[in-house]
PDB file of N, CA and C in Angstrom:
ATOM      1  N   MET A   1       0.346   7.648  -5.339  1.00  0.00           N
ATOM      2  CA  MET A   1       0.334   9.081  -5.533  1.00  0.00           C
ATOM      3  C   MET A   1       0.867   9.737  -4.263  1.00  0.00           C
ATOM      4  N   LEU A   2       1.825  10.573  -4.428  1.00  0.00           N
ATOM      5  CA  LEU A   2       2.349  11.315  -3.300  1.00  0.00           C
ATOM      6  C   LEU A   2       1.579  12.615  -3.175  1.00  0.00           C
ATOM      7  N   MET A   3       1.360  13.021  -1.959  1.00  0.00           N
ATOM      8  CA  MET A   3       0.634  14.265  -1.722  1.00  0.00           C
ATOM      9  C   MET A   3       1.515  15.182  -0.878  1.00  0.00           C
ATOM     10  N   LEU A   4       1.435  16.457  -1.160  1.00  0.00           N
ATOM     11  CA  LEU A   4       2.173  17.461  -0.410  1.00  0.00           C
ATOM     12  C   LEU A   4       1.211  18.600  -0.125  1.00  0.00           C
ATOM     13  N   THR A   5       1.100  18.958   1.137  1.00  0.00           N
ATOM     14  CA  THR A   5       0.192  20.057   1.457  1.00  0.00           C
ATOM     15  C   THR A   5       0.808  21.369   0.991  1.00  0.00           C
ATOM     16  N   LEU A   6      -0.038  22.293   0.640  1.00  0.00           N
ATOM     17  CA  LEU A   6       0.415  23.605   0.200  1.00  0.00           C
ATOM     18  C   LEU A   6       1.203  24.290   1.307  1.00  0.00           C
ATOM     19  N   GLU A   7       0.738  24.145   2.541  1.00  0.00           N
ATOM     20  CA  GLU A   7       1.414  24.776   3.664  1.00  0.00           C
ATOM     21  C   GLU A   7       2.850  24.276   3.799  1.00  0.00           C
ATOM     22  N   ASP A   8       3.043  22.956   3.661  1.00  0.00           N
ATOM     23  CA  ASP A   8       4.393  22.402   3.746  1.00  0.00           C
ATOM     24  C   ASP A   8       5.267  22.896   2.604  1.00  0.00           C
ATOM     25  N   ALA A   9       4.710  22.953   1.404  1.00  0.00           N
ATOM     26  CA  ALA A   9       5.479  23.419   0.245  1.00  0.00           C
ATOM     27  C   ALA A   9       5.919  24.867   0.431  1.00  0.00           C
ATOM     28  N   VAL A  10       5.033  25.696   0.946  1.00  0.00           N
ATOM     29  CA  VAL A  10       5.358  27.110   1.172  1.00  0.00           C
ATOM     30  C   VAL A  10       6.451  27.234   2.233  1.00  0.00           C
ATOM     31  N   LYS A  11       6.348  26.466   3.314  1.00  0.00           N
ATOM     32  CA  LYS A  11       7.361  26.518   4.362  1.00  0.00           C
ATOM     33  C   LYS A  11       8.737  26.122   3.830  1.00  0.00           C
ATOM     34  N   VAL A  12       8.764  25.051   3.053  1.00  0.00           N
ATOM     35  CA  VAL A  12      10.031  24.594   2.477  1.00  0.00           C
ATOM     36  C   VAL A  12      10.590  25.659   1.543  1.00  0.00           C
ATOM     37  N   ALA A  13       9.751  26.204   0.670  1.00  0.00           N
ATOM     38  CA  ALA A  13      10.202  27.227  -0.280  1.00  0.00           C
ATOM     39  C   ALA A  13      10.731  28.459   0.445  1.00  0.00           C
ATOM     40  N   GLN A  14      10.035  28.898   1.485  1.00  0.00           N
ATOM     41  CA  GLN A  14      10.486  30.070   2.246  1.00  0.00           C
ATOM     42  C   GLN A  14      11.851  29.821   2.880  1.00  0.00           C
ATOM     43  N   ARG A  15      12.023  28.649   3.466  1.00  0.00           N
ATOM     44  CA  ARG A  15      13.300  28.332   4.108  1.00  0.00           C
ATOM     45  C   ARG A  15      14.430  28.270   3.085  1.00  0.00           C
ATOM     46  N   LEU A  16      14.171  27.650   1.925  1.00  0.00           N
ATOM     47  CA  LEU A  16      15.201  27.544   0.894  1.00  0.00           C
ATOM     48  C   LEU A  16      15.592  28.910   0.345  1.00  0.00           C
ATOM     49  N   VAL A  17      14.607  29.773   0.153  1.00  0.00           N
ATOM     50  CA  VAL A  17      14.892  31.126  -0.334  1.00  0.00           C
ATOM     51  C   VAL A  17      15.693  31.893   0.714  1.00  0.00           C
ATOM     52  N   ARG A  18      15.260  31.788   1.955  1.00  0.00           N
ATOM     53  CA  ARG A  18      15.947  32.481   3.051  1.00  0.00           C
ATOM     54  C   ARG A  18      17.399  32.016   3.173  1.00  0.00           C
ATOM     55  N   ASP A  19      17.632  30.709   2.987  1.00  0.00           N
ATOM     56  CA  ASP A  19      18.974  30.154   3.116  1.00  0.00           C
ATOM     57  C   ASP A  19      19.790  30.269   1.833  1.00  0.00           C
ATOM     58  N   GLY A  20      19.180  30.832   0.777  1.00  0.00           N
ATOM     59  CA  GLY A  20      19.904  31.025  -0.483  1.00  0.00           C
ATOM     60  C   GLY A  20      20.153  29.750  -1.262  1.00  0.00           C
ATOM     61  N   MET A  21      19.352  28.724  -1.005  1.00  0.00           N
ATOM     62  CA  MET A  21      19.517  27.463  -1.719  1.00  0.00           C
ATOM     63  C   MET A  21      18.648  27.468  -2.964  1.00  0.00           C
ATOM     64  N   ASP A  22      19.296  27.395  -4.114  1.00  0.00           N
ATOM     65  CA  ASP A  22      18.528  27.399  -5.353  1.00  0.00           C
ATOM     66  C   ASP A  22      18.840  26.188  -6.229  1.00  0.00           C
ATOM     67  N   ASP A  23      19.547  25.206  -5.677  1.00  0.00           N
ATOM     68  CA  ASP A  23      19.879  23.998  -6.417  1.00  0.00           C
ATOM     69  C   ASP A  23      18.635  23.119  -6.565  1.00  0.00           C
ATOM     70  N   GLU A  24      18.334  22.718  -7.782  1.00  0.00           N
ATOM     71  CA  GLU A  24      17.115  21.946  -8.054  1.00  0.00           C
ATOM     72  C   GLU A  24      17.082  20.641  -7.264  1.00  0.00           C
ATOM     73  N   GLU A  25      18.212  19.948  -7.166  1.00  0.00           N
ATOM     74  CA  GLU A  25      18.237  18.663  -6.463  1.00  0.00           C
ATOM     75  C   GLU A  25      17.935  18.845  -4.980  1.00  0.00           C
ATOM     76  N   ILE A  26      18.467  19.896  -4.374  1.00  0.00           N
ATOM     77  CA  ILE A  26      18.195  20.154  -2.956  1.00  0.00           C
ATOM     78  C   ILE A  26      16.713  20.454  -2.758  1.00  0.00           C
ATOM     79  N   ILE A  27      16.149  21.259  -3.641  1.00  0.00           N
ATOM     80  CA  ILE A  27      14.721  21.592  -3.548  1.00  0.00           C
ATOM     81  C   ILE A  27      13.881  20.327  -3.682  1.00  0.00           C
ATOM     82  N   ARG A  28      14.213  19.492  -4.658  1.00  0.00           N
ATOM     83  CA  ARG A  28      13.482  18.235  -4.877  1.00  0.00           C
ATOM     84  C   ARG A  28      13.551  17.355  -3.632  1.00  0.00           C
ATOM     85  N   GLN A  29      14.734  17.207  -3.061  1.00  0.00           N
ATOM     86  CA  GLN A  29      14.889  16.370  -1.869  1.00  0.00           C
ATOM     87  C   GLN A  29      14.075  16.907  -0.694  1.00  0.00           C
ATOM     88  N   GLU A  30      14.112  18.200  -0.515  1.00  0.00           N
ATOM     89  CA  GLU A  30      13.354  18.810   0.587  1.00  0.00           C
ATOM     90  C   GLU A  30      11.856  18.571   0.422  1.00  0.00           C
ATOM     91  N   LEU A  31      11.353  18.746  -0.792  1.00  0.00           N
ATOM     92  CA  LEU A  31       9.920  18.554  -1.022  1.00  0.00           C
ATOM     93  C   LEU A  31       9.534  17.079  -0.910  1.00  0.00           C
ATOM     94  N   GLU A  32      10.389  16.181  -1.389  1.00  0.00           N
ATOM     95  CA  GLU A  32      10.098  14.748  -1.278  1.00  0.00           C
ATOM     96  C   GLU A  32       9.989  14.325   0.174  1.00  0.00           C
ATOM     97  N   GLN A  33      10.803  14.923   1.037  1.00  0.00           N
ATOM     98  CA  GLN A  33      10.755  14.570   2.453  1.00  0.00           C
ATOM     99  C   GLN A  33       9.434  14.982   3.093  1.00  0.00           C
ATOM    100  N   LYS A  34       8.766  15.960   2.506  1.00  0.00           N
ATOM    101  CA  LYS A  34       7.504  16.437   3.050  1.00  0.00           C
ATOM    102  C   LYS A  34       6.299  15.701   2.454  1.00  0.00           C
ATOM    103  N   CYS A  35       6.536  14.870   1.455  1.00  0.00           N
ATOM    104  CA  CYS A  35       5.431  14.146   0.812  1.00  0.00           C
ATOM    105  C   CYS A  35       4.918  13.051   1.748  1.00  0.00           C
ATOM    106  N   TRP A  36       3.690  12.675   1.541  1.00  0.00           N
ATOM    107  CA  TRP A  36       3.099  11.598   2.319  1.00  0.00           C
ATOM    108  C   TRP A  36       2.162  10.800   1.434  1.00  0.00           C
ATOM    109  N   PHE A  37       1.904   9.575   1.823  1.00  0.00           N
ATOM    110  CA  PHE A  37       0.995   8.710   1.090  1.00  0.00           C
ATOM    111  C   PHE A  37      -0.378   8.780   1.737  1.00  0.00           C
ATOM    112  N   PRO A  38      -1.441   8.972   0.951  1.00  0.00           N
ATOM    113  CA  PRO A  38      -2.786   8.933   1.520  1.00  0.00           C
ATOM    114  C   PRO A  38      -3.003   7.588   2.219  1.00  0.00           C
ATOM    115  N   PRO A  39      -3.673   7.562   3.369  1.00  0.00           N
ATOM    116  CA  PRO A  39      -3.805   6.345   4.170  1.00  0.00           C
ATOM    117  C   PRO A  39      -4.318   5.116   3.424  1.00  0.00           C
ATOM    118  N   LYS A  40      -5.292   5.254   2.549  1.00  0.00           N
ATOM    119  CA  LYS A  40      -5.866   4.101   1.863  1.00  0.00           C
ATOM    120  C   LYS A  40      -4.926   3.523   0.817  1.00  0.00           C
ATOM    121  N   MET A  41      -3.925   4.273   0.398  1.00  0.00           N
ATOM    122  CA  MET A  41      -3.058   3.805  -0.661  1.00  0.00           C
ATOM    123  C   MET A  41      -1.634   3.558  -0.190  1.00  0.00           C
ATOM    124  N   ASP A  42      -1.416   3.582   1.107  1.00  0.00           N
ATOM    125  CA  ASP A  42      -0.058   3.460   1.627  1.00  0.00           C
ATOM    126  C   ASP A  42       0.741   2.326   0.997  1.00  0.00           C
ATOM    127  N   GLU A  43       0.270   1.109   1.126  1.00  0.00           N
ATOM    128  CA  GLU A  43       1.052  -0.043   0.701  1.00  0.00           C
ATOM    129  C   GLU A  43       1.265  -0.084  -0.811  1.00  0.00           C
ATOM    130  N   ALA A  44       0.203   0.041  -1.582  1.00  0.00           N
ATOM    131  CA  ALA A  44       0.320  -0.016  -3.043  1.00  0.00           C
ATOM    132  C   ALA A  44       1.100   1.175  -3.579  1.00  0.00           C
ATOM    133  N   ALA A  45       0.863   2.352  -3.039  1.00  0.00           N
ATOM    134  CA  ALA A  45       1.569   3.544  -3.493  1.00  0.00           C
ATOM    135  C   ALA A  45       3.048   3.460  -3.142  1.00  0.00           C
ATOM    136  N   LYS A  46       3.348   2.956  -1.962  1.00  0.00           N
ATOM    137  CA  LYS A  46       4.754   2.813  -1.571  1.00  0.00           C
ATOM    138  C   LYS A  46       5.445   1.797  -2.469  1.00  0.00           C
ATOM    139  N   GLN A  47       4.783   0.699  -2.760  1.00  0.00           N
ATOM    140  CA  GLN A  47       5.366  -0.317  -3.630  1.00  0.00           C
ATOM    141  C   GLN A  47       5.650   0.259  -5.019  1.00  0.00           C
ATOM    142  N   LEU A  48       4.688   0.992  -5.565  1.00  0.00           N
ATOM    143  CA  LEU A  48       4.868   1.605  -6.873  1.00  0.00           C
ATOM    144  C   LEU A  48       5.982   2.649  -6.825  1.00  0.00           C
ATOM    145  N   ASN A  49       6.017   3.449  -5.787  1.00  0.00           N
ATOM    146  CA  ASN A  49       7.065   4.454  -5.628  1.00  0.00           C
ATOM    147  C   ASN A  49       8.445   3.795  -5.561  1.00  0.00           C
ATOM    148  N   ASP A  50       8.566   2.726  -4.814  1.00  0.00           N
ATOM    149  CA  ASP A  50       9.843   2.013  -4.710  1.00  0.00           C
ATOM    150  C   ASP A  50      10.289   1.484  -6.074  1.00  0.00           C
ATOM    151  N   LEU A  51       9.348   0.948  -6.829  1.00  0.00           N
ATOM    152  CA  LEU A  51       9.673   0.439  -8.164  1.00  0.00           C
ATOM    153  C   LEU A  51      10.151   1.560  -9.075  1.00  0.00           C
ATOM    154  N   ILE A  52       9.494   2.692  -8.998  1.00  0.00           N
ATOM    155  CA  ILE A  52       9.879   3.838  -9.832  1.00  0.00           C
ATOM    156  C   ILE A  52      11.317   4.247  -9.520  1.00  0.00           C
ATOM    157  N   PHE A  53      11.665   4.303  -8.238  1.00  0.00           N
ATOM    158  CA  PHE A  53      13.019   4.719  -7.864  1.00  0.00           C
ATOM    159  C   PHE A  53      14.055   3.641  -8.139  1.00  0.00           C
ATOM    160  N   ASP A  54      13.622   2.388  -8.362  1.00  0.00           N
ATOM    161  CA  ASP A  54      14.552   1.326  -8.753  1.00  0.00           C
ATOM    162  C   ASP A  54      15.028   1.506 -10.198  1.00  0.00           C
ATOM    163  N   ILE A  55      14.310   2.310 -10.959  1.00  0.00           N
ATOM    164  CA  ILE A  55      14.691   2.569 -12.351  1.00  0.00           C
ATOM    165  C   ILE A  55      15.639   3.766 -12.331  1.00  0.00           C
ATOM    166  N   ASN A  56      16.916   3.470 -12.430  1.00  0.00           N
ATOM    167  CA  ASN A  56      17.929   4.522 -12.362  1.00  0.00           C
ATOM    168  C   ASN A  56      19.112   4.122 -13.245  1.00  0.00           C
ATOM    169  N   PRO A  57      19.952   5.071 -13.602  1.00  0.00           N
ATOM    170  CA  PRO A  57      21.075   4.777 -14.507  1.00  0.00           C
ATOM    171  C   PRO A  57      21.970   3.632 -14.038  1.00  0.00           C
ATOM    172  N   ALA A  58      22.270   3.580 -12.749  1.00  0.00           N
ATOM    173  CA  ALA A  58      23.155   2.518 -12.253  1.00  0.00           C
ATOM    174  C   ALA A  58      22.524   1.137 -12.452  1.00  0.00           C
ATOM    175  N   GLU A  59      21.232   1.023 -12.146  1.00  0.00           N
ATOM    176  CA  GLU A  59      20.559  -0.264 -12.305  1.00  0.00           C
ATOM    177  C   GLU A  59      20.443  -0.644 -13.778  1.00  0.00           C
ATOM    178  N   ILE A  60      20.140   0.324 -14.609  1.00  0.00           N
ATOM    179  CA  ILE A  60      20.031   0.055 -16.047  1.00  0.00           C
ATOM    180  C   ILE A  60      21.383  -0.412 -16.587  1.00  0.00           C
ATOM    181  N   CYS A  61      22.468   0.266 -16.202  1.00  0.00           N
ATOM    182  CA  CYS A  61      23.805  -0.143 -16.642  1.00  0.00           C
ATOM    183  C   CYS A  61      24.126  -1.554 -16.162  1.00  0.00           C
ATOM    184  N   SER A  62      23.759  -1.846 -14.930  1.00  0.00           N
ATOM    185  CA  SER A  62      23.993  -3.176 -14.379  1.00  0.00           C
ATOM    186  C   SER A  62      23.260  -4.249 -15.188  1.00  0.00           C
ATOM    187  N   GLN A  63      22.021  -3.951 -15.555  1.00  0.00           N
ATOM    188  CA  GLN A  63      21.238  -4.911 -16.339  1.00  0.00           C
ATOM    189  C   GLN A  63      21.812  -5.084 -17.743  1.00  0.00           C
ATOM    190  N   ILE A  64      22.311  -4.005 -18.315  1.00  0.00           N
ATOM    191  CA  ILE A  64      22.939  -4.086 -19.637  1.00  0.00           C
ATOM    192  C   ILE A  64      24.210  -4.934 -19.545  1.00  0.00           C
ATOM    193  N   GLU A  65      25.026  -4.679 -18.529  1.00  0.00           N
ATOM    194  CA  GLU A  65      26.273  -5.428 -18.351  1.00  0.00           C
ATOM    195  C   GLU A  65      26.019  -6.923 -18.185  1.00  0.00           C
ATOM    196  N   SER A  66      24.922  -7.259 -17.525  1.00  0.00           N
ATOM    197  CA  SER A  66      24.613  -8.682 -17.316  1.00  0.00           C
ATOM    198  C   SER A  66      23.748  -9.256 -18.433  1.00  0.00           C
ATOM    199  N   ASP A  67      23.551  -8.451 -19.496  1.00  0.00           N
ATOM    200  CA  ASP A  67      22.761  -8.863 -20.658  1.00  0.00           C
ATOM    201  C   ASP A  67      21.359  -9.316 -20.250  1.00  0.00           C
ATOM    202  N   ASN A  68      20.756  -8.560 -19.330  1.00  0.00           N
ATOM    203  CA  ASN A  68      19.445  -8.924 -18.783  1.00  0.00           C
ATOM    204  C   ASN A  68      18.439  -7.776 -18.888  1.00  0.00           C
ATOM    205  N   LEU A  69      18.745  -6.735 -19.653  1.00  0.00           N
ATOM    206  CA  LEU A  69      17.900  -5.545 -19.680  1.00  0.00           C
ATOM    207  C   LEU A  69      16.469  -5.861 -20.117  1.00  0.00           C
ATOM    208  N   LYS A  70      16.315  -6.653 -21.165  1.00  0.00           N
ATOM    209  CA  LYS A  70      14.974  -6.959 -21.669  1.00  0.00           C
ATOM    210  C   LYS A  70      14.134  -7.668 -20.600  1.00  0.00           C
ATOM    211  N   ASN A  71      14.691  -8.667 -19.962  1.00  0.00           N
ATOM    212  CA  ASN A  71      13.952  -9.399 -18.925  1.00  0.00           C
ATOM    213  C   ASN A  71      13.659  -8.516 -17.721  1.00  0.00           C
ATOM    214  N   TRP A  72      14.638  -7.687 -17.331  1.00  0.00           N
ATOM    215  CA  TRP A  72      14.458  -6.791 -16.188  1.00  0.00           C
ATOM    216  C   TRP A  72      13.349  -5.789 -16.464  1.00  0.00           C
ATOM    217  N   CYS A  73      13.344  -5.213 -17.674  1.00  0.00           N
ATOM    218  CA  CYS A  73      12.288  -4.257 -18.035  1.00  0.00           C
ATOM    219  C   CYS A  73      10.910  -4.918 -17.954  1.00  0.00           C
ATOM    220  N   GLY A  74      10.807  -6.115 -18.494  1.00  0.00           N
ATOM    221  CA  GLY A  74       9.531  -6.837 -18.439  1.00  0.00           C
ATOM    222  C   GLY A  74       9.095  -7.105 -17.017  1.00  0.00           C
ATOM    223  N   SER A  75      10.030  -7.467 -16.167  1.00  0.00           N
ATOM    224  CA  SER A  75       9.727  -7.743 -14.770  1.00  0.00           C
ATOM    225  C   SER A  75       9.268  -6.486 -14.042  1.00  0.00           C
ATOM    226  N   VAL A  76       9.989  -5.385 -14.244  1.00  0.00           N
ATOM    227  CA  VAL A  76       9.624  -4.130 -13.590  1.00  0.00           C
ATOM    228  C   VAL A  76       8.259  -3.652 -14.087  1.00  0.00           C
ATOM    229  N   GLN A  77       8.010  -3.764 -15.382  1.00  0.00           N
ATOM    230  CA  GLN A  77       6.716  -3.356 -15.923  1.00  0.00           C
ATOM    231  C   GLN A  77       5.581  -4.166 -15.306  1.00  0.00           C
ATOM    232  N   MET A  78       5.769  -5.466 -15.176  1.00  0.00           N
ATOM    233  CA  MET A  78       4.732  -6.320 -14.592  1.00  0.00           C
ATOM    234  C   MET A  78       4.495  -5.967 -13.124  1.00  0.00           C
ATOM    235  N   GLU A  79       5.572  -5.750 -12.374  1.00  0.00           N
ATOM    236  CA  GLU A  79       5.424  -5.385 -10.971  1.00  0.00           C
ATOM    237  C   GLU A  79       4.709  -4.043 -10.828  1.00  0.00           C
ATOM    238  N   MET A  80       5.014  -3.099 -11.716  1.00  0.00           N
ATOM    239  CA  MET A  80       4.357  -1.794 -11.660  1.00  0.00           C
ATOM    240  C   MET A  80       2.870  -1.923 -11.988  1.00  0.00           C
ATOM    241  N   LYS A  81       2.543  -2.745 -12.965  1.00  0.00           N
ATOM    242  CA  LYS A  81       1.130  -2.957 -13.304  1.00  0.00           C
ATOM    243  C   LYS A  81       0.387  -3.574 -12.123  1.00  0.00           C
ATOM    244  N   MET A  82       1.020  -4.531 -11.468  1.00  0.00           N
ATOM    245  CA  MET A  82       0.382  -5.173 -10.308  1.00  0.00           C
ATOM    246  C   MET A  82       0.178  -4.147  -9.185  1.00  0.00           C
ATOM    247  N   ALA A  83       1.138  -3.292  -8.963  1.00  0.00           N
ATOM    248  CA  ALA A  83       0.999  -2.263  -7.928  1.00  0.00           C
ATOM    249  C   ALA A  83      -0.108  -1.281  -8.298  1.00  0.00           C
ATOM    250  N   MET A  84      -0.191  -0.924  -9.576  1.00  0.00           N
ATOM    251  CA  MET A  84      -1.227   0.021 -10.014  1.00  0.00           C
ATOM    252  C   MET A  84      -2.622  -0.564  -9.820  1.00  0.00           C
ATOM    253  N   VAL A  85      -2.776  -1.852 -10.075  1.00  0.00           N
ATOM    254  CA  VAL A  85      -4.080  -2.495  -9.909  1.00  0.00           C
ATOM    255  C   VAL A  85      -4.530  -2.422  -8.453  1.00  0.00           C
ATOM    256  N   GLN A  86      -3.588  -2.411  -7.542  1.00  0.00           N
ATOM    257  CA  GLN A  86      -3.909  -2.364  -6.120  1.00  0.00           C
ATOM    258  C   GLN A  86      -4.306  -0.968  -5.650  1.00  0.00           C
ATOM    259  N   LEU A  87      -4.020   0.044  -6.468  1.00  0.00           N
ATOM    260  CA  LEU A  87      -4.420   1.401  -6.095  1.00  0.00           C
ATOM    261  C   LEU A  87      -5.935   1.531  -6.239  1.00  0.00           C
ATOM    262  N   PRO A  88      -6.634   1.975  -5.206  1.00  0.00           N
ATOM    263  CA  PRO A  88      -8.097   2.050  -5.256  1.00  0.00           C
ATOM    264  C   PRO A  88      -8.642   2.950  -6.362  1.00  0.00           C
ATOM    265  N   CYS A  89      -7.896   3.974  -6.762  1.00  0.00           N
ATOM    266  CA  CYS A  89      -8.418   4.927  -7.723  1.00  0.00           C
ATOM    267  C   CYS A  89      -8.084   4.570  -9.161  1.00  0.00           C
ATOM    268  N   TRP A  90      -7.335   3.489  -9.395  1.00  0.00           N
ATOM    269  CA  TRP A  90      -6.913   3.138 -10.758  1.00  0.00           C
ATOM    270  C   TRP A  90      -7.800   2.044 -11.309  1.00  0.00           C
ATOM    271  N   SER A  91      -8.430   2.281 -12.442  1.00  0.00           N
ATOM    272  CA  SER A  91      -9.346   1.299 -13.019  1.00  0.00           C
ATOM    273  C   SER A  91      -8.722   0.532 -14.160  1.00  0.00           C
ATOM    274  N   GLY A  92      -7.631   1.024 -14.725  1.00  0.00           N
ATOM    275  CA  GLY A  92      -7.004   0.357 -15.860  1.00  0.00           C
ATOM    276  C   GLY A  92      -7.620   0.754 -17.179  1.00  0.00           C
ATOM    277  N   LYS A  93      -8.616   1.629 -17.156  1.00  0.00           N
ATOM    278  CA  LYS A  93      -9.272   2.090 -18.370  1.00  0.00           C
ATOM    279  C   LYS A  93      -9.078   3.581 -18.498  1.00  0.00           C
ATOM    280  N   GLU A  94      -8.990   4.038 -19.734  1.00  0.00           N
ATOM    281  CA  GLU A  94      -8.821   5.472 -19.936  1.00  0.00           C
ATOM    282  C   GLU A  94     -10.073   6.083 -20.503  1.00  0.00           C
TER     283      GLU A  94
END
């Protein structure tokens, strides 16, 4: 889980408004740079975050081209489940 303090979000928003930047991607990048991982979840949260960002159009196309999409999806799903189990706040039950 990524956390962003309200103060940081307000500072970023004020600067973007002042500079006339209204592009969604720029705003997203600025806010992502201000995010941080809570200390107890650093490793597991970072691992899960990295896996999430590995799922992108270029990688999906690459897996399709190599006829490996099904296996890749299964592998990514398993790695994500393992990372989630390592998160202290995730019980696996709803």
